[in-house]
Amino acid sequence: DELLASAFDALEASYSSAWRQTSIDDVAGREKLFLAINIVGKVRDHLGAVLANGKLAQAELKELALTAERRKRFGLLS
């Protein structure tokens, strides 16, 4: 989804900008922002995998239904 991808991009850009603007003494702040940037990427990848797996499962179910329909039409059901 384009809107979701845009939201992830904006969030990552915001965290990156904040990370770059931390003071030299703010080690903990930089580490938290670094983790946040990486988590955004992991969540994006996970959602992409979930969507891809769901689409694959949907396509497999559709193919099974079509195969069953063809067998039924040609009297190949056991």
PDB file of N, CA and C in Angstrom:
ATOM      1  N   ASP A   1       0.848  -1.179   0.000  1.00  0.00           N
ATOM      2  CA  ASP A   1       0.000   0.000   0.000  1.00  0.00           C
ATOM      3  C   ASP A   1       0.894   1.242   0.000  1.00  0.00           C
ATOM      4  N   GLU A   2       0.601   2.144  -0.905  1.00  0.00           N
ATOM      5  CA  GLU A   2       1.419   3.349  -1.060  1.00  0.00           C
ATOM      6  C   GLU A   2       1.387   4.254   0.169  1.00  0.00           C
ATOM      7  N   LEU A   3       0.239   4.379   0.787  1.00  0.00           N
ATOM      8  CA  LEU A   3       0.099   5.233   1.963  1.00  0.00           C
ATOM      9  C   LEU A   3       0.920   4.687   3.130  1.00  0.00           C
ATOM     10  N   LEU A   4       0.874   3.387   3.323  1.00  0.00           N
ATOM     11  CA  LEU A   4       1.640   2.761   4.391  1.00  0.00           C
ATOM     12  C   LEU A   4       3.139   2.881   4.134  1.00  0.00           C
ATOM     13  N   ALA A   5       3.564   2.668   2.901  1.00  0.00           N
ATOM     14  CA  ALA A   5       4.978   2.812   2.547  1.00  0.00           C
ATOM     15  C   ALA A   5       5.444   4.242   2.789  1.00  0.00           C
ATOM     16  N   SER A   6       4.611   5.192   2.441  1.00  0.00           N
ATOM     17  CA  SER A   6       4.930   6.600   2.659  1.00  0.00           C
ATOM     18  C   SER A   6       5.051   6.904   4.151  1.00  0.00           C
ATOM     19  N   ALA A   7       4.177   6.325   4.948  1.00  0.00           N
ATOM     20  CA  ALA A   7       4.221   6.538   6.397  1.00  0.00           C
ATOM     21  C   ALA A   7       5.511   5.967   6.984  1.00  0.00           C
ATOM     22  N   PHE A   8       5.906   4.781   6.539  1.00  0.00           N
ATOM     23  CA  PHE A   8       7.161   4.192   7.015  1.00  0.00           C
ATOM     24  C   PHE A   8       8.357   5.046   6.605  1.00  0.00           C
ATOM     25  N   ASP A   9       8.350   5.525   5.370  1.00  0.00           N
ATOM     26  CA  ASP A   9       9.443   6.379   4.891  1.00  0.00           C
ATOM     27  C   ASP A   9       9.547   7.654   5.721  1.00  0.00           C
ATOM     28  N   ALA A  10       8.402   8.267   6.002  1.00  0.00           N
ATOM     29  CA  ALA A  10       8.389   9.510   6.784  1.00  0.00           C
ATOM     30  C   ALA A  10       8.879   9.264   8.204  1.00  0.00           C
ATOM     31  N   LEU A  11       8.455   8.151   8.793  1.00  0.00           N
ATOM     32  CA  LEU A  11       8.881   7.824  10.149  1.00  0.00           C
ATOM     33  C   LEU A  11      10.387   7.575  10.208  1.00  0.00           C
ATOM     34  N   GLU A  12      10.890   6.829   9.248  1.00  0.00           N
ATOM     35  CA  GLU A  12      12.321   6.554   9.192  1.00  0.00           C
ATOM     36  C   GLU A  12      13.124   7.843   8.971  1.00  0.00           C
ATOM     37  N   ALA A  13      12.643   8.703   8.107  1.00  0.00           N
ATOM     38  CA  ALA A  13      13.320   9.978   7.854  1.00  0.00           C
ATOM     39  C   ALA A  13      13.316  10.859   9.102  1.00  0.00           C
ATOM     40  N   SER A  14      12.213  10.850   9.823  1.00  0.00           N
ATOM     41  CA  SER A  14      12.116  11.639  11.047  1.00  0.00           C
ATOM     42  C   SER A  14      13.106  11.144  12.095  1.00  0.00           C
ATOM     43  N   TYR A  15      13.161   9.826  12.287  1.00  0.00           N
ATOM     44  CA  TYR A  15      14.119   9.256  13.235  1.00  0.00           C
ATOM     45  C   TYR A  15      15.559   9.525  12.806  1.00  0.00           C
ATOM     46  N   SER A  16      15.842   9.408  11.530  1.00  0.00           N
ATOM     47  CA  SER A  16      17.198   9.656  11.028  1.00  0.00           C
ATOM     48  C   SER A  16      17.600  11.109  11.251  1.00  0.00           C
ATOM     49  N   SER A  17      16.685  12.003  10.993  1.00  0.00           N
ATOM     50  CA  SER A  17      16.958  13.424  11.199  1.00  0.00           C
ATOM     51  C   SER A  17      17.230  13.712  12.672  1.00  0.00           C
ATOM     52  N   ALA A  18      16.406  13.163  13.544  1.00  0.00           N
ATOM     53  CA  ALA A  18      16.591  13.366  14.980  1.00  0.00           C
ATOM     54  C   ALA A  18      17.915  12.749  15.436  1.00  0.00           C
ATOM     55  N   TRP A  19      18.262  11.608  14.875  1.00  0.00           N
ATOM     56  CA  TRP A  19      19.517  10.923  15.212  1.00  0.00           C
ATOM     57  C   TRP A  19      20.717  11.793  14.851  1.00  0.00           C
ATOM     58  N   ARG A  20      20.663  12.402  13.669  1.00  0.00           N
ATOM     59  CA  ARG A  20      21.760  13.263  13.218  1.00  0.00           C
ATOM     60  C   ARG A  20      21.889  14.538  14.059  1.00  0.00           C
ATOM     61  N   GLN A  21      20.796  14.960  14.654  1.00  0.00           N
ATOM     62  CA  GLN A  21      20.800  16.209  15.414  1.00  0.00           C
ATOM     63  C   GLN A  21      21.130  16.029  16.896  1.00  0.00           C
ATOM     64  N   THR A  22      21.387  14.791  17.317  1.00  0.00           N
ATOM     65  CA  THR A  22      21.717  14.586  18.727  1.00  0.00           C
ATOM     66  C   THR A  22      23.066  15.216  19.048  1.00  0.00           C
ATOM     67  N   SER A  23      23.213  15.608  20.292  1.00  0.00           N
ATOM     68  CA  SER A  23      24.492  16.191  20.716  1.00  0.00           C
ATOM     69  C   SER A  23      25.524  15.083  20.900  1.00  0.00           C
ATOM     70  N   ILE A  24      26.751  15.461  20.930  1.00  0.00           N
ATOM     71  CA  ILE A  24      27.840  14.490  21.055  1.00  0.00           C
ATOM     72  C   ILE A  24      27.767  13.730  22.376  1.00  0.00           C
ATOM     73  N   ASP A  25      27.196  14.350  23.391  1.00  0.00           N
ATOM     74  CA  ASP A  25      27.089  13.713  24.701  1.00  0.00           C
ATOM     75  C   ASP A  25      25.864  12.806  24.843  1.00  0.00           C
ATOM     76  N   ASP A  26      24.960  12.838  23.903  1.00  0.00           N
ATOM     77  CA  ASP A  26      23.699  12.087  24.005  1.00  0.00           C
ATOM     78  C   ASP A  26      23.819  10.685  23.401  1.00  0.00           C
ATOM     79  N   VAL A  27      24.652   9.877  24.011  1.00  0.00           N
ATOM     80  CA  VAL A  27      24.881   8.514  23.521  1.00  0.00           C
ATOM     81  C   VAL A  27      23.597   7.689  23.623  1.00  0.00           C
ATOM     82  N   ALA A  28      22.917   7.779  24.755  1.00  0.00           N
ATOM     83  CA  ALA A  28      21.688   7.004  24.958  1.00  0.00           C
ATOM     84  C   ALA A  28      20.614   7.411  23.950  1.00  0.00           C
ATOM     85  N   GLY A  29      20.495   8.705  23.674  1.00  0.00           N
ATOM     86  CA  GLY A  29      19.504   9.178  22.699  1.00  0.00           C
ATOM     87  C   GLY A  29      19.787   8.643  21.311  1.00  0.00           C
ATOM     88  N   ARG A  30      21.073   8.662  20.911  1.00  0.00           N
ATOM     89  CA  ARG A  30      21.443   8.143  19.596  1.00  0.00           C
ATOM     90  C   ARG A  30      21.161   6.648  19.499  1.00  0.00           C
ATOM     91  N   GLU A  31      21.456   5.930  20.559  1.00  0.00           N
ATOM     92  CA  GLU A  31      21.216   4.484  20.548  1.00  0.00           C
ATOM     93  C   GLU A  31      19.722   4.180  20.425  1.00  0.00           C
ATOM     94  N   LYS A  32      18.899   4.919  21.145  1.00  0.00           N
ATOM     95  CA  LYS A  32      17.445   4.717  21.063  1.00  0.00           C
ATOM     96  C   LYS A  32      16.931   5.029  19.663  1.00  0.00           C
ATOM     97  N   LEU A  33      17.410   6.103  19.075  1.00  0.00           N
ATOM     98  CA  LEU A  33      16.975   6.461  17.719  1.00  0.00           C
ATOM     99  C   LEU A  33      17.480   5.455  16.692  1.00  0.00           C
ATOM    100  N   PHE A  34      18.702   4.965  16.895  1.00  0.00           N
ATOM    101  CA  PHE A  34      19.248   3.940  16.004  1.00  0.00           C
ATOM    102  C   PHE A  34      18.375   2.687  16.055  1.00  0.00           C
ATOM    103  N   LEU A  35      17.994   2.278  17.260  1.00  0.00           N
ATOM    104  CA  LEU A  35      17.102   1.124  17.409  1.00  0.00           C
ATOM    105  C   LEU A  35      15.744   1.384  16.756  1.00  0.00           C
ATOM    106  N   ALA A  36      15.228   2.592  16.929  1.00  0.00           N
ATOM    107  CA  ALA A  36      13.936   2.936  16.337  1.00  0.00           C
ATOM    108  C   ALA A  36      13.997   2.836  14.811  1.00  0.00           C
ATOM    109  N   ILE A  37      15.073   3.333  14.223  1.00  0.00           N
ATOM    110  CA  ILE A  37      15.232   3.264  12.764  1.00  0.00           C
ATOM    111  C   ILE A  37      15.238   1.807  12.304  1.00  0.00           C
ATOM    112  N   ASN A  38      15.974   0.974  13.040  1.00  0.00           N
ATOM    113  CA  ASN A  38      16.048  -0.442  12.670  1.00  0.00           C
ATOM    114  C   ASN A  38      14.725  -1.166  12.875  1.00  0.00           C
ATOM    115  N   ILE A  39      13.999  -0.797  13.904  1.00  0.00           N
ATOM    116  CA  ILE A  39      12.699  -1.422  14.156  1.00  0.00           C
ATOM    117  C   ILE A  39      11.708  -1.064  13.058  1.00  0.00           C
ATOM    118  N   VAL A  40      11.743   0.173  12.591  1.00  0.00           N
ATOM    119  CA  VAL A  40      10.858   0.572  11.488  1.00  0.00           C
ATOM    120  C   VAL A  40      11.116  -0.336  10.284  1.00  0.00           C
ATOM    121  N   GLY A  41      12.373  -0.586   9.973  1.00  0.00           N
ATOM    122  CA  GLY A  41      12.708  -1.465   8.857  1.00  0.00           C
ATOM    123  C   GLY A  41      12.226  -2.884   9.082  1.00  0.00           C
ATOM    124  N   LYS A  42      12.383  -3.383  10.297  1.00  0.00           N
ATOM    125  CA  LYS A  42      11.948  -4.746  10.605  1.00  0.00           C
ATOM    126  C   LYS A  42      10.428  -4.878  10.516  1.00  0.00           C
ATOM    127  N   VAL A  43       9.708  -3.878  11.022  1.00  0.00           N
ATOM    128  CA  VAL A  43       8.238  -3.904  10.945  1.00  0.00           C
ATOM    129  C   VAL A  43       7.798  -3.848   9.486  1.00  0.00           C
ATOM    130  N   ARG A  44       8.435  -2.994   8.693  1.00  0.00           N
ATOM    131  CA  ARG A  44       8.120  -2.885   7.269  1.00  0.00           C
ATOM    132  C   ARG A  44       8.328  -4.242   6.580  1.00  0.00           C
ATOM    133  N   ASP A  45       9.472  -4.867   6.848  1.00  0.00           N
ATOM    134  CA  ASP A  45       9.772  -6.165   6.239  1.00  0.00           C
ATOM    135  C   ASP A  45       8.783  -7.239   6.683  1.00  0.00           C
ATOM    136  N   HIS A  46       8.440  -7.220   7.970  1.00  0.00           N
ATOM    137  CA  HIS A  46       7.502  -8.219   8.493  1.00  0.00           C
ATOM    138  C   HIS A  46       6.118  -8.061   7.863  1.00  0.00           C
ATOM    139  N   LEU A  47       5.637  -6.829   7.785  1.00  0.00           N
ATOM    140  CA  LEU A  47       4.327  -6.609   7.159  1.00  0.00           C
ATOM    141  C   LEU A  47       4.343  -7.006   5.683  1.00  0.00           C
ATOM    142  N   GLY A  48       5.453  -6.718   5.014  1.00  0.00           N
ATOM    143  CA  GLY A  48       5.577  -7.125   3.614  1.00  0.00           C
ATOM    144  C   GLY A  48       5.517  -8.638   3.463  1.00  0.00           C
ATOM    145  N   ALA A  49       6.196  -9.351   4.365  1.00  0.00           N
ATOM    146  CA  ALA A  49       6.178 -10.816   4.317  1.00  0.00           C
ATOM    147  C   ALA A  49       4.786 -11.362   4.615  1.00  0.00           C
ATOM    148  N   VAL A  50       4.116 -10.769   5.589  1.00  0.00           N
ATOM    149  CA  VAL A  50       2.754 -11.208   5.928  1.00  0.00           C
ATOM    150  C   VAL A  50       1.825 -10.998   4.738  1.00  0.00           C
ATOM    151  N   LEU A  51       1.927  -9.852   4.105  1.00  0.00           N
ATOM    152  CA  LEU A  51       1.084  -9.570   2.938  1.00  0.00           C
ATOM    153  C   LEU A  51       1.405 -10.517   1.796  1.00  0.00           C
ATOM    154  N   ALA A  52       2.689 -10.757   1.560  1.00  0.00           N
ATOM    155  CA  ALA A  52       3.096 -11.657   0.478  1.00  0.00           C
ATOM    156  C   ALA A  52       2.613 -13.077   0.749  1.00  0.00           C
ATOM    157  N   ASN A  53       2.753 -13.532   1.989  1.00  0.00           N
ATOM    158  CA  ASN A  53       2.298 -14.880   2.337  1.00  0.00           C
ATOM    159  C   ASN A  53       0.790 -15.002   2.209  1.00  0.00           C
ATOM    160  N   GLY A  54       0.091 -13.947   2.595  1.00  0.00           N
ATOM    161  CA  GLY A  54      -1.370 -13.960   2.463  1.00  0.00           C
ATOM    162  C   GLY A  54      -1.804 -13.996   1.013  1.00  0.00           C
ATOM    163  N   LYS A  55      -1.108 -13.251   0.156  1.00  0.00           N
ATOM    164  CA  LYS A  55      -1.437 -13.251  -1.261  1.00  0.00           C
ATOM    165  C   LYS A  55      -1.116 -14.595  -1.881  1.00  0.00           C
ATOM    166  N   LEU A  56      -0.006 -15.205  -1.453  1.00  0.00           N
ATOM    167  CA  LEU A  56       0.369 -16.516  -1.958  1.00  0.00           C
ATOM    168  C   LEU A  56      -0.662 -17.558  -1.542  1.00  0.00           C
ATOM    169  N   ALA A  57      -1.071 -17.521  -0.280  1.00  0.00           N
ATOM    170  CA  ALA A  57      -2.082 -18.459   0.210  1.00  0.00           C
ATOM    171  C   ALA A  57      -3.397 -18.273  -0.537  1.00  0.00           C
ATOM    172  N   GLN A  58      -3.769 -17.032  -0.800  1.00  0.00           N
ATOM    173  CA  GLN A  58      -5.004 -16.759  -1.526  1.00  0.00           C
ATOM    174  C   GLN A  58      -4.920 -17.321  -2.951  1.00  0.00           C
ATOM    175  N   ALA A  59      -3.784 -17.160  -3.592  1.00  0.00           N
ATOM    176  CA  ALA A  59      -3.609 -17.685  -4.944  1.00  0.00           C
ATOM    177  C   ALA A  59      -3.648 -19.209  -4.945  1.00  0.00           C
ATOM    178  N   GLU A  60      -3.048 -19.827  -3.927  1.00  0.00           N
ATOM    179  CA  GLU A  60      -3.071 -21.290  -3.829  1.00  0.00           C
ATOM    180  C   GLU A  60      -4.490 -21.801  -3.617  1.00  0.00           C
ATOM    181  N   LEU A  61      -5.257 -21.120  -2.764  1.00  0.00           N
ATOM    182  CA  LEU A  61      -6.646 -21.519  -2.547  1.00  0.00           C
ATOM    183  C   LEU A  61      -7.468 -21.373  -3.818  1.00  0.00           C
ATOM    184  N   LYS A  62      -7.224 -20.319  -4.557  1.00  0.00           N
ATOM    185  CA  LYS A  62      -7.940 -20.107  -5.816  1.00  0.00           C
ATOM    186  C   LYS A  62      -7.600 -21.221  -6.803  1.00  0.00           C
ATOM    187  N   GLU A  63      -6.323 -21.596  -6.881  1.00  0.00           N
ATOM    188  CA  GLU A  63      -5.901 -22.672  -7.783  1.00  0.00           C
ATOM    189  C   GLU A  63      -6.519 -24.009  -7.371  1.00  0.00           C
ATOM    190  N   LEU A  64      -6.591 -24.277  -6.081  1.00  0.00           N
ATOM    191  CA  LEU A  64      -7.233 -25.504  -5.607  1.00  0.00           C
ATOM    192  C   LEU A  64      -8.714 -25.537  -5.988  1.00  0.00           C
ATOM    193  N   ALA A  65      -9.378 -24.402  -5.834  1.00  0.00           N
ATOM    194  CA  ALA A  65     -10.798 -24.319  -6.188  1.00  0.00           C
ATOM    195  C   ALA A  65     -10.991 -24.526  -7.680  1.00  0.00           C
ATOM    196  N   LEU A  66     -10.122 -23.943  -8.510  1.00  0.00           N
ATOM    197  CA  LEU A  66     -10.223 -24.115  -9.959  1.00  0.00           C
ATOM    198  C   LEU A  66      -9.974 -25.569 -10.357  1.00  0.00           C
ATOM    199  N   THR A  67      -9.006 -26.195  -9.726  1.00  0.00           N
ATOM    200  CA  THR A  67      -8.710 -27.601 -10.009  1.00  0.00           C
ATOM    201  C   THR A  67      -9.891 -28.482  -9.641  1.00  0.00           C
ATOM    202  N   ALA A  68     -10.482 -28.222  -8.484  1.00  0.00           N
ATOM    203  CA  ALA A  68     -11.648 -28.998  -8.060  1.00  0.00           C
ATOM    204  C   ALA A  68     -12.811 -28.803  -9.029  1.00  0.00           C
ATOM    205  N   GLU A  69     -13.004 -27.572  -9.481  1.00  0.00           N
ATOM    206  CA  GLU A  69     -14.082 -27.292 -10.445  1.00  0.00           C
ATOM    207  C   GLU A  69     -13.842 -28.017 -11.759  1.00  0.00           C
ATOM    208  N   ARG A  70     -12.610 -28.040 -12.243  1.00  0.00           N
ATOM    209  CA  ARG A  70     -12.298 -28.752 -13.497  1.00  0.00           C
ATOM    210  C   ARG A  70     -12.540 -30.241 -13.341  1.00  0.00           C
ATOM    211  N   ARG A  71     -12.138 -30.797 -12.214  1.00  0.00           N
ATOM    212  CA  ARG A  71     -12.357 -32.233 -11.976  1.00  0.00           C
ATOM    213  C   ARG A  71     -13.852 -32.553 -11.937  1.00  0.00           C
ATOM    214  N   LYS A  72     -14.605 -31.665 -11.315  1.00  0.00           N
ATOM    215  CA  LYS A  72     -16.044 -31.861 -11.219  1.00  0.00           C
ATOM    216  C   LYS A  72     -16.677 -31.834 -12.622  1.00  0.00           C
ATOM    217  N   ARG A  73     -16.246 -30.872 -13.431  1.00  0.00           N
ATOM    218  CA  ARG A  73     -16.806 -30.766 -14.786  1.00  0.00           C
ATOM    219  C   ARG A  73     -16.522 -31.999 -15.630  1.00  0.00           C
ATOM    220  N   PHE A  74     -15.341 -32.555 -15.461  1.00  0.00           N
ATOM    221  CA  PHE A  74     -14.940 -33.685 -16.296  1.00  0.00           C
ATOM    222  C   PHE A  74     -15.168 -35.022 -15.609  1.00  0.00           C
ATOM    223  N   GLY A  75     -15.880 -35.011 -14.493  1.00  0.00           N
ATOM    224  CA  GLY A  75     -16.218 -36.255 -13.807  1.00  0.00           C
ATOM    225  C   GLY A  75     -15.022 -36.988 -13.241  1.00  0.00           C
ATOM    226  N   LEU A  76     -14.037 -36.265 -12.808  1.00  0.00           N
ATOM    227  CA  LEU A  76     -12.822 -36.882 -12.286  1.00  0.00           C
ATOM    228  C   LEU A  76     -12.787 -36.927 -10.762  1.00  0.00           C
ATOM    229  N   LEU A  77     -13.897 -36.595 -10.122  1.00  0.00           N
ATOM    230  CA  LEU A  77     -13.920 -36.648  -8.655  1.00  0.00           C
ATOM    231  C   LEU A  77     -13.975 -38.095  -8.211  1.00  0.00           C
ATOM    232  N   SER A  78     -13.248 -38.364  -7.154  1.00  0.00           N
ATOM    233  CA  SER A  78     -13.225 -39.742  -6.656  1.00  0.00           C
ATOM    234  C   SER A  78     -14.217 -39.960  -5.566  1.00  0.00           C
TER     235      SER A  78
END
